[in-house]
């Protein structure tokens, strides 16, 4: 009877996983009334991301049933009557309920044994028993504090030869790093399981230069993130500083809108451009708060009068900055290279952009300009490559042949948007070319005005994001010129080949560790790892340790603090969590 139950369990788990494997919609499956099985990409699981970065795995966790409506009402009533002192406990309960729920190690091992047997081609009459790796969340209630167990078929020449069984245990927090497992102990653990003739050892470290921070046990997330990944061989001890011979990769993901960014003023200007573009598309514009007390019409009048009086204009320009907006708190680092060559249309955009609060402001201001051009009251200078419609009218005014313009409907907004696009493109080009980060030919994609205005705005946003990335690398990490040049080329190439704007994109750049030693040698890594491995190809096995300043396990609550009162409370060194990853090979008959 026991063997029949075992056979039934093996077949059930196999067919359930096979159905999940073939389900393109990736719907979670309930198994045996108490487990939930789902597919996930390995890079979404902290302890698995190194092995399954580009692959899917099965995840098994406890099935959490949602309370019915009546219970919800009762829970709401209880919540409303709770006292202030109960709020912390209530939040903890809610957090636990939303977190993936683990299984006991005993149940996890049962699932592992069924999975392992299902991979044996001699066990049942299935032509292809291959399944994706299975990983089960565990509750760490056993003495070894097991957080995950996993199993994966090993294939040789397309046929399964065995199964690798994995175990992940986690300990911490530990303030005294001398109590962490030693490198020699990690080597002995690997030898005990695999009896290798030779072993390879690799080290890795992940440093967060810019990202989320923890204030009073609360994580404050940042949309921008700058990290550095190191890899090296010949590891001497746990938590050693990456040597200068390491391979270092800089990862930069920047979100526009950070007030500390050197690009913030340009971001605000870009926001206004986007508002105008949205208005053209929807017919409705949500105006930004004006930055000037004077109206757009008054500022336009003053500018036109100043153009007719060169002395007044010269005094005005001497008293005002000629670069983009200076109305914000100065950033921590230098902004874009300043421009001293704003032409008439660009100067007009700067004034109007800060003061326009309605559609009629644009109409009335443009009417004043066109009237001054028509009656030959001004002879403004513009760049030869200016492409806006207003620039075209100015060129026509040189020959006193200005065409009739109907400032109705969306035409004024379109004219105003063209002015902003033209001006901002030149701002970005000025910096890239002035810093010799690219050539004019490489910017033709952004300079193209044959595409519609909405596409021009998308390309302008790509150009802005490119400069956010490069300026972050230069001002925050003090990257040398050759790295900034390469980073610029990588961003330019991506923007040309990608039809969409993706602010979440992370750019990777190889750098020399010696160029950033002043950063990482004074900091503690967010994650430090060492891997001991042996064997080749499909029979390669490993034992690894990851030491981190936060738990790599997300389904179990860890204690905050440490019982050892003798440790220095003022130490800047973090409390360490150690995650041990072990593997055992089981040969299938």
Protein backbone atom coordinates (compact mmCIF):
# COMPACT_ATOMS: atom_id res chain seq x y z
CA UNK A 1 0.00 0.00 0.00
CA UNK A 2 2.87 2.37 0.88
CA UNK A 3 4.54 1.79 -2.50
CA UNK A 4 1.24 2.50 -4.29
CA UNK A 5 0.84 5.77 -2.40
CA UNK A 6 4.42 6.69 -3.25
CA UNK A 7 3.89 5.89 -6.92
CA UNK A 8 0.70 7.95 -6.94
CA UNK A 9 2.45 10.91 -5.30
CA UNK A 10 5.32 10.80 -7.80
CA UNK A 11 2.97 10.68 -10.78
CA UNK A 12 0.81 13.47 -9.39
CA UNK A 13 3.71 15.85 -8.79
CA UNK A 14 5.18 15.05 -12.20
CA UNK A 15 1.98 15.68 -14.16
CA UNK A 16 1.21 18.81 -12.13
CA UNK A 17 4.64 20.29 -12.82
CA UNK A 18 4.52 19.28 -16.47
CA UNK A 19 1.16 21.06 -16.87
CA UNK A 20 2.62 24.15 -15.19
CA UNK A 21 5.71 23.94 -17.40
CA UNK A 22 3.59 23.93 -20.55
CA UNK A 23 1.19 26.65 -19.36
CA UNK A 24 2.08 29.80 -21.28
CA UNK A 25 -0.18 31.93 -19.09
CA UNK A 26 1.86 30.97 -16.02
CA UNK A 27 -1.11 30.48 -13.70
CA UNK A 28 -0.24 29.24 -10.17
CA UNK A 29 -1.43 25.70 -9.44
CA UNK A 30 -2.78 24.42 -6.14
CA UNK A 31 -1.40 21.00 -5.23
CA UNK A 32 -2.73 18.57 -2.59
CA UNK A 33 -4.89 21.33 -1.16
CA UNK A 34 -2.02 22.88 0.82
CA UNK A 35 0.78 23.81 -1.63
CA UNK A 36 1.01 26.46 -4.33
CA UNK A 37 3.23 25.86 -7.35
CA UNK A 38 4.28 28.65 -9.70
CA UNK A 39 6.90 29.52 -12.28
CA UNK A 40 9.36 32.37 -11.76
CA UNK A 41 12.49 33.65 -13.41
CA UNK A 42 15.47 32.79 -11.27
CA UNK A 43 16.75 36.36 -11.20
CA UNK A 44 13.72 37.37 -9.12
CA UNK A 45 14.85 35.13 -6.23
CA UNK A 46 17.88 36.48 -4.33
CA UNK A 47 19.57 33.16 -3.57
CA UNK A 48 18.95 31.77 -7.07
CA UNK A 49 19.78 34.72 -9.30
CA UNK A 50 23.37 33.65 -9.94
CA UNK A 51 22.40 30.20 -11.24
CA UNK A 52 19.09 30.85 -12.98
CA UNK A 53 19.39 34.42 -14.19
CA UNK A 54 17.94 33.65 -17.62
CA UNK A 55 15.89 30.56 -16.73
CA UNK A 56 12.56 29.72 -15.17
CA UNK A 57 12.23 27.58 -12.07
CA UNK A 58 9.33 26.05 -10.15
CA UNK A 59 8.64 27.59 -6.75
CA UNK A 60 6.62 25.75 -4.12
CA UNK A 61 5.18 27.52 -1.08
CA UNK A 62 2.32 27.11 1.35
CA UNK A 63 -1.11 27.88 -0.02
CA UNK A 64 -2.56 30.90 1.78
CA UNK A 65 -6.37 31.02 1.59
CA UNK A 66 -7.96 34.46 1.65
CA UNK A 67 -10.71 35.00 4.24
CA UNK A 68 -14.29 35.20 2.98
CA UNK A 69 -16.25 38.43 2.80
CA UNK A 70 -17.87 37.99 6.21
CA UNK A 71 -14.53 37.48 7.84
CA UNK A 72 -13.24 40.54 6.02
CA UNK A 73 -16.06 42.62 7.53
CA UNK A 74 -15.36 41.21 10.98
CA UNK A 75 -11.64 41.87 10.55
CA UNK A 76 -12.37 45.44 9.49
CA UNK A 77 -14.55 45.93 12.56
CA UNK A 78 -11.84 44.59 14.82
CA UNK A 79 -9.30 46.82 13.15
CA UNK A 80 -11.40 49.94 13.63
CA UNK A 81 -11.78 49.15 17.34
CA UNK A 82 -8.12 48.40 17.92
CA UNK A 83 -6.07 50.62 20.17
CA UNK A 84 -2.92 52.46 19.23
CA UNK A 85 -0.83 49.87 21.02
CA UNK A 86 -2.26 47.11 18.83
CA UNK A 87 -1.38 48.82 15.55
CA UNK A 88 2.20 47.52 15.47
CA UNK A 89 1.01 43.93 15.99
CA UNK A 90 -1.66 44.35 13.34
CA UNK A 91 0.83 45.66 10.79
CA UNK A 92 3.14 42.75 11.55
CA UNK A 93 0.29 40.29 10.95
CA UNK A 94 -0.67 41.95 7.68
CA UNK A 95 2.96 41.93 6.52
CA UNK A 96 3.26 38.22 7.35
CA UNK A 97 0.07 37.40 5.46
CA UNK A 98 1.30 39.13 2.28
CA UNK A 99 4.73 37.48 2.43
CA UNK A 100 5.15 34.09 0.66
CA UNK A 101 4.53 31.36 3.24
CA UNK A 102 7.11 28.59 3.75
CA UNK A 103 6.74 24.88 4.48
CA UNK A 104 8.28 22.73 7.18
CA UNK A 105 11.48 20.95 6.17
CA UNK A 106 9.75 17.56 6.46
CA UNK A 107 7.09 18.46 3.88
CA UNK A 108 9.71 20.07 1.65
CA UNK A 109 11.79 16.89 1.67
CA UNK A 110 8.75 14.80 0.73
CA UNK A 111 8.26 17.00 -2.33
CA UNK A 112 11.96 16.71 -3.17
CA UNK A 113 11.86 12.91 -3.00
CA UNK A 114 8.81 12.76 -5.29
CA UNK A 115 10.46 15.17 -7.72
CA UNK A 116 13.70 13.15 -7.70
CA UNK A 117 11.89 9.89 -8.41
CA UNK A 118 9.88 11.53 -11.18
CA UNK A 119 13.13 12.32 -12.99
CA UNK A 120 14.14 8.65 -13.13
CA UNK A 121 13.20 7.38 -16.62
CA UNK A 122 12.95 3.85 -15.19
CA UNK A 123 10.29 4.85 -12.68
CA UNK A 124 7.44 5.47 -15.14
CA UNK A 125 6.68 5.21 -18.85
CA UNK A 126 7.19 8.85 -19.82
CA UNK A 127 9.43 9.44 -22.84
CA UNK A 128 10.77 12.76 -21.59
CA UNK A 129 10.71 13.16 -17.80
CA UNK A 130 12.65 16.43 -17.84
CA UNK A 131 11.27 19.20 -15.66
CA UNK A 132 12.49 22.63 -14.66
CA UNK A 133 14.32 22.86 -11.30
CA UNK A 134 12.03 22.79 -8.26
CA UNK A 135 12.69 25.02 -5.25
CA UNK A 136 10.69 24.91 -2.01
CA UNK A 137 10.52 27.66 0.61
CA UNK A 138 11.25 26.38 4.13
CA UNK A 139 10.43 27.96 7.49
CA UNK A 140 13.95 27.68 9.03
CA UNK A 141 12.52 25.90 12.11
CA UNK A 142 15.08 23.06 11.90
CA UNK A 143 18.44 23.27 13.76
CA UNK A 144 20.34 24.11 10.53
CA UNK A 145 17.88 26.96 9.77
CA UNK A 146 17.05 25.72 6.26
CA UNK A 147 15.45 28.43 4.13
CA UNK A 148 15.27 26.66 0.76
CA UNK A 149 15.67 23.16 -0.65
CA UNK A 150 15.92 22.54 -4.36
CA UNK A 151 16.33 19.79 -6.93
CA UNK A 152 17.48 19.84 -10.55
CA UNK A 153 17.97 17.09 -13.09
CA UNK A 154 21.49 16.54 -14.47
CA UNK A 155 21.58 15.66 -18.16
CA UNK A 156 24.36 14.03 -20.17
CA UNK A 157 23.88 13.70 -23.95
CA UNK A 158 20.25 14.64 -23.55
CA UNK A 159 19.52 11.91 -20.99
CA UNK A 160 19.07 12.34 -17.25
CA UNK A 161 21.93 10.81 -15.25
CA UNK A 162 21.12 12.10 -11.81
CA UNK A 163 19.72 14.90 -9.70
CA UNK A 164 21.45 17.69 -7.81
CA UNK A 165 19.84 18.31 -4.42
CA UNK A 166 20.38 21.76 -2.96
CA UNK A 167 20.03 23.20 0.51
CA UNK A 168 20.18 26.87 1.52
CA UNK A 169 20.61 27.78 5.18
CA UNK A 170 20.75 31.28 6.65
CA UNK A 171 22.07 32.66 9.95
CA UNK A 172 22.20 36.13 11.43
CA UNK A 173 22.32 38.92 12.25
CA UNK A 174 25.93 38.59 13.43
CA UNK A 175 27.80 41.71 14.53
CA UNK A 176 31.09 39.90 15.10
CA UNK A 177 32.37 38.84 11.67
CA UNK A 178 34.99 36.58 13.26
CA UNK A 179 32.11 34.24 14.14
CA UNK A 180 31.18 33.75 10.47
CA UNK A 181 32.15 30.49 8.78
CA UNK A 182 35.81 30.45 7.75
CA UNK A 183 37.03 29.83 4.22
CA UNK A 184 38.79 26.60 5.29
CA UNK A 185 35.56 25.37 6.84
CA UNK A 186 33.72 26.06 3.59
CA UNK A 187 36.34 24.05 1.68
CA UNK A 188 35.99 21.14 4.12
CA UNK A 189 32.21 21.21 3.70
CA UNK A 190 32.66 20.87 -0.06
CA UNK A 191 35.23 18.04 0.29
CA UNK A 192 32.95 16.14 2.65
CA UNK A 193 30.13 16.09 0.13
CA UNK A 194 31.99 15.63 -3.15
CA UNK A 195 35.51 14.24 -2.47
CA UNK A 196 37.10 16.31 -5.28
CA UNK A 197 40.64 15.92 -6.56
CA UNK A 198 40.75 19.60 -7.48
CA UNK A 199 38.73 22.64 -6.41
CA UNK A 200 38.24 26.09 -7.93
CA UNK A 201 37.53 29.12 -5.74
CA UNK A 202 35.92 32.36 -6.90
CA UNK A 203 35.07 35.53 -5.00
CA UNK A 204 32.42 38.16 -5.70
CA UNK A 205 31.22 41.37 -4.11
CA UNK A 206 28.31 43.69 -4.74
CA UNK A 207 28.61 47.33 -3.62
CA UNK A 208 25.72 49.79 -3.63
CA UNK A 209 27.05 53.27 -4.38
CA UNK A 210 23.64 54.87 -4.80
CA UNK A 211 20.30 53.29 -3.98
CA UNK A 212 17.80 52.63 -1.22
CA UNK A 213 18.79 53.56 2.34
CA UNK A 214 17.62 52.41 5.75
CA UNK A 215 16.54 55.05 8.27
CA UNK A 216 15.32 53.83 11.69
CA UNK A 217 14.65 50.31 10.36
CA UNK A 218 12.61 51.71 7.45
CA UNK A 219 13.82 51.19 3.88
CA UNK A 220 13.59 54.32 1.73
CA UNK A 221 13.62 53.16 -1.87
CA UNK A 222 15.36 55.14 -4.59
CA UNK A 223 14.43 54.79 -8.25
CA UNK A 224 18.03 55.55 -9.20
CA UNK A 225 20.63 52.91 -8.47
CA UNK A 226 24.40 52.70 -8.98
CA UNK A 227 26.11 49.44 -8.04
CA UNK A 228 29.44 47.75 -8.71
CA UNK A 229 29.96 44.00 -9.09
CA UNK A 230 33.41 42.49 -8.55
CA UNK A 231 34.61 39.00 -9.46
CA UNK A 232 38.02 37.50 -8.73
CA UNK A 233 39.88 34.25 -8.04
CA UNK A 234 42.37 33.27 -5.31
CA UNK A 235 40.22 34.18 -2.36
CA UNK A 236 42.17 34.36 0.91
CA UNK A 237 39.49 35.00 3.53
CA UNK A 238 35.81 35.75 4.05
CA UNK A 239 34.82 39.41 3.51
CA UNK A 240 38.18 40.34 1.99
CA UNK A 241 38.31 43.53 -0.09
CA UNK A 242 38.19 42.83 -3.85
CA UNK A 243 41.76 42.95 -5.20
CA UNK A 244 42.80 45.35 -7.95
CA UNK A 245 43.03 42.35 -10.30
CA UNK A 246 39.24 41.87 -10.05
CA UNK A 247 36.85 42.21 -12.94
CA UNK A 248 34.59 45.13 -12.09
CA UNK A 249 31.24 45.98 -13.69
CA UNK A 250 29.47 49.25 -13.05
CA UNK A 251 25.66 49.11 -13.17
CA UNK A 252 23.81 52.41 -13.57
CA UNK A 253 20.04 52.79 -13.50
CA UNK A 254 18.87 56.39 -13.29
CA UNK A 255 15.37 57.74 -12.79
CA UNK A 256 14.84 61.34 -13.85
CA UNK A 257 13.47 63.83 -11.35
CA UNK A 258 15.92 63.59 -8.44
CA UNK A 259 16.34 67.12 -7.04
CA UNK A 260 20.00 66.39 -6.23
CA UNK A 261 20.72 65.49 -9.85
CA UNK A 262 22.75 67.92 -11.97
CA UNK A 263 20.03 67.40 -14.59
CA UNK A 264 17.07 68.45 -12.44
CA UNK A 265 16.56 71.89 -14.02
CA UNK A 266 16.58 70.28 -17.46
CA UNK A 267 14.17 67.63 -16.21
CA UNK A 268 11.67 70.32 -15.20
CA UNK A 269 11.98 71.88 -18.62
CA UNK A 270 11.48 68.47 -20.23
CA UNK A 271 8.38 67.99 -18.09
CA UNK A 272 6.90 71.12 -19.61
CA UNK A 273 7.69 69.86 -23.12
CA UNK A 274 5.91 66.59 -22.28
CA UNK A 275 2.87 68.51 -21.00
CA UNK A 276 2.61 70.37 -24.32
CA UNK A 277 2.99 67.12 -26.27
CA UNK A 278 0.27 65.47 -24.17
CA UNK A 279 -1.93 68.50 -24.78
CA UNK A 280 -1.53 68.12 -28.55
CA UNK A 281 -2.50 64.46 -28.25
CA UNK A 282 -5.45 64.82 -25.87
CA UNK A 283 -6.57 68.40 -26.39
CA UNK A 284 -6.24 69.11 -22.65
CA UNK A 285 -3.22 70.72 -20.96
CA UNK A 286 -2.47 70.66 -17.22
CA UNK A 287 -0.34 73.78 -16.80
CA UNK A 288 2.57 73.87 -14.37
CA UNK A 289 2.84 76.48 -11.64
CA UNK A 290 4.48 79.64 -13.11
CA UNK A 291 8.03 80.44 -12.07
CA UNK A 292 7.69 84.13 -12.88
CA UNK A 293 5.40 86.69 -11.26
CA UNK A 294 4.99 88.59 -14.54
CA UNK A 295 2.66 87.26 -17.22
CA UNK A 296 3.95 85.64 -20.41
CA UNK A 297 2.52 88.52 -22.46
CA UNK A 298 4.29 91.16 -20.35
CA UNK A 299 7.59 89.29 -20.55
CA UNK A 300 7.24 88.97 -24.32
CA UNK A 301 6.49 92.70 -24.66
CA UNK A 302 9.53 93.59 -22.56
CA UNK A 303 11.75 91.33 -24.65
CA UNK A 304 10.52 92.76 -27.95
CA UNK A 305 11.00 96.32 -26.67
CA UNK A 306 14.49 95.43 -25.48
CA UNK A 307 15.33 94.07 -28.96
CA UNK A 308 14.46 97.46 -30.38
CA UNK A 309 16.81 99.07 -27.83
CA UNK A 310 20.17 97.25 -27.95
CA UNK A 311 21.49 99.00 -24.82
CA UNK A 312 18.52 97.84 -22.73
CA UNK A 313 18.86 94.29 -24.08
CA UNK A 314 22.58 94.23 -23.30
CA UNK A 315 21.92 95.28 -19.71
CA UNK A 316 19.17 92.67 -19.32
CA UNK A 317 21.38 89.86 -20.63
CA UNK A 318 24.21 90.91 -18.34
CA UNK A 319 21.94 90.66 -15.29
CA UNK A 320 20.38 87.27 -16.12
CA UNK A 321 21.99 83.83 -16.53
CA UNK A 322 22.06 82.58 -20.11
CA UNK A 323 21.88 78.89 -19.25
CA UNK A 324 18.79 76.87 -18.52
CA UNK A 325 16.77 77.54 -15.40
CA UNK A 326 18.48 78.69 -12.24
CA UNK A 327 15.34 78.91 -10.11
CA UNK A 328 16.08 75.72 -8.21
CA UNK A 329 18.42 74.90 -5.38
CA UNK A 330 21.83 74.25 -6.96
CA UNK A 331 22.58 70.51 -7.28
CA UNK A 332 25.46 68.82 -5.51
CA UNK A 333 27.45 68.65 -8.73
CA UNK A 334 28.04 70.77 -11.81
CA UNK A 335 25.22 71.06 -14.34
CA UNK A 336 25.44 70.89 -18.12
CA UNK A 337 27.99 73.01 -19.90
CA UNK A 338 26.59 76.57 -20.02
CA UNK A 339 25.39 78.03 -23.29
CA UNK A 340 26.02 81.63 -24.25
CA UNK A 341 24.52 81.40 -27.72
CA UNK A 342 20.76 81.32 -27.14
CA UNK A 343 19.06 82.82 -30.20
CA UNK A 344 15.82 84.83 -30.31
CA UNK A 345 13.48 81.81 -30.34
CA UNK A 346 15.34 80.14 -27.48
CA UNK A 347 15.33 83.29 -25.36
CA UNK A 348 11.61 83.67 -26.04
CA UNK A 349 11.02 80.04 -24.99
CA UNK A 350 12.89 80.59 -21.71
CA UNK A 351 10.68 83.58 -20.84
CA UNK A 352 7.39 82.05 -21.91
CA UNK A 353 8.06 78.62 -20.42
CA UNK A 354 8.40 80.13 -16.95
CA UNK A 355 5.25 82.22 -17.19
CA UNK A 356 2.65 80.55 -19.43
CA UNK A 357 -0.40 79.44 -17.44
CA UNK A 358 -3.03 79.03 -20.18
CA UNK A 359 -3.59 78.55 -23.88
CA UNK A 360 -4.40 82.24 -24.40
CA UNK A 361 -0.96 83.24 -23.06
CA UNK A 362 0.67 81.36 -25.93
CA UNK A 363 -1.68 82.86 -28.52
CA UNK A 364 -1.27 86.46 -27.33
CA UNK A 365 2.53 86.17 -27.01
CA UNK A 366 2.95 84.70 -30.49
CA UNK A 367 0.66 87.38 -31.92
CA UNK A 368 2.98 90.06 -30.51
CA UNK A 369 6.03 88.39 -32.07
CA UNK A 370 4.43 87.89 -35.49
CA UNK A 371 3.18 91.50 -35.49
CA UNK A 372 6.70 92.77 -34.70
CA UNK A 373 8.12 90.64 -37.53
CA UNK A 374 5.42 91.72 -39.99
CA UNK A 375 5.99 95.42 -39.36
CA UNK A 376 9.74 94.99 -39.43
CA UNK A 377 10.07 96.20 -35.84
CA UNK A 378 12.72 93.56 -35.03
CA UNK A 379 15.41 91.72 -36.96
CA UNK A 380 16.12 88.83 -34.59
CA UNK A 381 19.05 86.48 -34.94
CA UNK A 382 18.45 82.73 -35.05
CA UNK A 383 20.65 79.68 -35.54
CA UNK A 384 20.99 78.54 -39.13
CA UNK A 385 19.81 75.04 -38.19
CA UNK A 386 16.75 76.14 -36.17
CA UNK A 387 13.82 74.04 -37.37
CA UNK A 388 10.76 75.45 -35.61
CA UNK A 389 7.92 77.07 -37.56
CA UNK A 390 8.58 80.38 -35.80
CA UNK A 391 12.20 80.23 -37.04
CA UNK A 392 10.82 79.78 -40.56
CA UNK A 393 8.71 82.91 -40.15
CA UNK A 394 11.75 84.84 -38.93
CA UNK A 395 13.71 83.83 -42.03
CA UNK A 396 10.79 84.95 -44.18
CA UNK A 397 10.80 88.31 -42.36
CA UNK A 398 14.31 88.98 -43.64
CA UNK A 399 12.73 89.24 -47.12
CA UNK A 400 9.49 90.77 -45.77
CA UNK A 401 7.44 87.83 -47.10
CA UNK A 402 5.82 86.41 -43.95
CA UNK A 403 3.02 83.95 -44.65
CA UNK A 404 -0.34 84.28 -42.93
CA UNK A 405 -0.60 82.23 -39.73
CA UNK A 406 -3.92 81.33 -38.12
CA UNK A 407 -3.26 81.14 -34.37
CA UNK A 408 -6.28 78.97 -33.66
CA UNK A 409 -6.86 75.40 -32.57
CA UNK A 410 -3.71 73.46 -31.74
CA UNK A 411 -1.41 75.51 -33.99
CA UNK A 412 -0.10 77.82 -31.21
CA UNK A 413 0.66 74.86 -28.92
CA UNK A 414 2.45 73.08 -31.75
CA UNK A 415 4.53 76.18 -32.53
CA UNK A 416 5.41 76.55 -28.85
CA UNK A 417 6.35 72.88 -28.52
CA UNK A 418 8.63 73.12 -31.56
CA UNK A 419 10.44 76.04 -29.91
CA UNK A 420 11.10 73.97 -26.78
CA UNK A 421 12.23 70.89 -28.68
CA UNK A 422 14.67 72.92 -30.73
CA UNK A 423 16.12 74.68 -27.71
CA UNK A 424 16.51 71.57 -25.53
CA UNK A 425 18.12 69.53 -28.30
CA UNK A 426 20.78 72.22 -28.64
CA UNK A 427 21.32 72.26 -24.85
CA UNK A 428 22.02 68.51 -24.84
CA UNK A 429 24.12 68.62 -28.01
CA UNK A 430 26.18 71.48 -26.59
CA UNK A 431 27.21 69.35 -23.62
CA UNK A 432 27.88 66.11 -25.51
CA UNK A 433 29.91 67.83 -28.21
CA UNK A 434 31.59 70.27 -25.81
CA UNK A 435 32.79 67.40 -23.60
CA UNK A 436 33.81 65.47 -26.77
CA UNK A 437 31.65 62.50 -25.82
CA UNK A 438 30.36 61.96 -29.37
CA UNK A 439 30.27 63.50 -32.84
CA UNK A 440 27.50 65.42 -34.62
CA UNK A 441 26.90 62.49 -36.98
CA UNK A 442 26.04 60.24 -34.04
CA UNK A 443 23.33 62.69 -32.97
CA UNK A 444 21.42 62.68 -36.28
CA UNK A 445 18.81 60.30 -34.77
CA UNK A 446 17.82 62.99 -32.25
CA UNK A 447 18.18 65.86 -34.74
CA UNK A 448 15.69 64.38 -37.20
CA UNK A 449 12.63 66.67 -37.39
CA UNK A 450 10.99 64.69 -40.21
CA UNK A 451 9.37 62.39 -37.64
CA UNK A 452 6.19 63.62 -35.90
CA UNK A 453 6.35 65.78 -32.78
CA UNK A 454 5.36 62.95 -30.41
CA UNK A 455 8.29 60.86 -31.64
CA UNK A 456 10.60 63.87 -31.33
CA UNK A 457 9.58 64.17 -27.66
CA UNK A 458 10.33 60.45 -27.09
CA UNK A 459 13.79 60.89 -28.61
CA UNK A 460 14.39 63.99 -26.51
CA UNK A 461 13.52 61.99 -23.38
CA UNK A 462 15.98 59.28 -24.48
CA UNK A 463 18.64 61.95 -24.92
CA UNK A 464 17.89 63.36 -21.47
CA UNK A 465 18.10 59.92 -19.88
CA UNK A 466 21.41 59.30 -21.66
CA UNK A 467 22.84 62.44 -20.09
CA UNK A 468 21.41 61.49 -16.68
CA UNK A 469 23.35 58.22 -16.90
CA UNK A 470 26.59 59.80 -18.11
CA UNK A 471 26.44 62.73 -15.67
CA UNK A 472 25.83 60.33 -12.78
CA UNK A 473 28.90 58.33 -13.73
CA UNK A 474 31.03 61.43 -14.15
CA UNK A 475 29.93 63.56 -11.20
CA UNK A 476 29.07 60.88 -8.65
CA UNK A 477 31.77 58.28 -9.41
CA UNK A 478 34.30 60.59 -11.07
CA UNK A 479 34.67 58.18 -14.00
CA UNK A 480 37.62 58.91 -16.31
CA UNK A 481 37.00 60.32 -19.78
CA UNK A 482 37.40 57.02 -21.66
CA UNK A 483 34.71 55.34 -19.52
CA UNK A 484 32.32 58.27 -19.96
CA UNK A 485 32.96 58.09 -23.69
CA UNK A 486 32.21 54.35 -23.79
CA UNK A 487 29.11 54.79 -21.62
CA UNK A 488 27.83 57.47 -24.00
CA UNK A 489 28.33 55.18 -27.00
CA UNK A 490 26.49 52.32 -25.26
CA UNK A 491 23.52 54.58 -24.51
CA UNK A 492 23.47 56.06 -28.02
CA UNK A 493 23.54 52.60 -29.58
CA UNK A 494 20.72 51.33 -27.37
CA UNK A 495 18.52 54.35 -28.09
CA UNK A 496 18.88 53.87 -31.84
CA UNK A 497 17.92 50.21 -31.74
CA UNK A 498 15.09 50.52 -29.20
CA UNK A 499 11.82 51.97 -30.42
CA UNK A 500 10.54 52.72 -26.89
CA UNK A 501 11.72 54.83 -23.99
CA UNK A 502 12.64 52.69 -20.99
CA UNK A 503 13.75 54.62 -17.92
CA UNK A 504 14.17 51.38 -15.93
CA UNK A 505 16.96 50.18 -18.21
CA UNK A 506 20.25 49.41 -16.45
CA UNK A 507 23.50 50.14 -18.30
CA UNK A 508 26.53 47.97 -17.57
CA UNK A 509 30.09 49.20 -18.00
CA UNK A 510 33.41 47.43 -17.44
CA UNK A 511 35.78 49.56 -15.36
CA UNK A 512 39.20 49.26 -13.75
CA UNK A 513 38.96 48.73 -9.97
CA UNK A 514 41.85 51.14 -9.53
CA UNK A 515 39.68 54.00 -10.86
CA UNK A 516 37.14 53.63 -8.02
CA UNK A 517 39.23 52.41 -5.07
CA UNK A 518 38.38 55.61 -3.19
CA UNK A 519 34.77 54.41 -3.16
CA UNK A 520 34.68 50.70 -2.54
CA UNK A 521 37.72 50.27 -0.29
CA UNK A 522 36.12 52.50 2.34
CA UNK A 523 32.70 50.82 2.14
CA UNK A 524 31.26 47.49 3.21
CA UNK A 525 29.71 45.36 0.46
CA UNK A 526 25.97 44.81 0.37
CA UNK A 527 26.68 41.19 -0.62
CA UNK A 528 30.01 39.37 -0.48
CA UNK A 529 30.33 35.83 -1.83
CA UNK A 530 32.77 32.96 -2.26
CA UNK A 531 32.19 29.81 -4.28
CA UNK A 532 34.06 26.49 -4.04
CA UNK A 533 33.41 24.23 -7.03
CA UNK A 534 34.62 21.01 -8.59
CA UNK A 535 33.77 18.83 -11.57
CA UNK A 536 33.15 19.79 -15.17
CA UNK A 537 30.14 20.41 -17.37
CA UNK A 538 26.84 18.98 -16.13
CA UNK A 539 28.62 17.30 -13.20
CA UNK A 540 29.98 20.55 -11.83
CA UNK A 541 28.94 21.02 -8.20
CA UNK A 542 29.51 23.91 -5.84
CA UNK A 543 29.35 25.04 -2.24
CA UNK A 544 29.02 28.75 -1.71
CA UNK A 545 28.67 31.36 0.99
CA UNK A 546 27.05 34.77 0.69
CA UNK A 547 27.51 37.35 3.44
CA UNK A 548 25.10 40.28 3.23
CA UNK A 549 24.01 43.31 5.24
CA UNK A 550 20.36 42.26 4.83
CA UNK A 551 18.71 38.82 4.73
CA UNK A 552 18.61 37.24 1.28
CA UNK A 553 15.50 35.36 2.42
CA UNK A 554 12.19 37.18 2.03
CA UNK A 555 9.73 34.69 3.53
CA UNK A 556 11.02 34.56 7.12
CA UNK A 557 11.29 37.36 9.70
CA UNK A 558 14.76 37.86 11.18
CA UNK A 559 15.50 39.32 14.57
CA UNK A 560 16.85 42.86 14.58
CA UNK A 561 19.73 43.26 16.99
CA UNK A 562 22.16 40.96 18.71
CA UNK A 563 22.39 39.45 22.21
CA UNK A 564 26.09 40.23 22.61
CA UNK A 565 26.13 43.43 24.71
CA UNK A 566 29.92 43.65 24.76
CA UNK A 567 30.19 44.68 21.14
CA UNK A 568 30.88 48.28 20.22
CA UNK A 569 27.49 49.92 19.71
CA UNK A 570 29.08 52.76 17.76
CA UNK A 571 30.67 50.48 15.18
CA UNK A 572 29.80 51.42 11.60
CA UNK A 573 30.16 47.81 10.48
CA UNK A 574 26.77 46.27 9.63
CA UNK A 575 25.22 43.19 11.19
CA UNK A 576 25.98 40.34 8.81
CA UNK A 577 23.67 37.60 7.53
CA UNK A 578 25.37 34.48 6.18
CA UNK A 579 23.67 32.31 3.56
CA UNK A 580 25.21 28.87 2.89
CA UNK A 581 24.42 27.09 -0.38
CA UNK A 582 25.28 23.35 -0.52
CA UNK A 583 24.78 20.70 -3.19
CA UNK A 584 24.64 16.88 -3.25
CA UNK A 585 24.57 14.73 -6.37
CA UNK A 586 22.25 11.70 -6.50
CA UNK A 587 22.91 9.24 -9.30
CA UNK A 588 19.83 7.66 -10.88
CA UNK A 589 19.93 3.96 -11.61
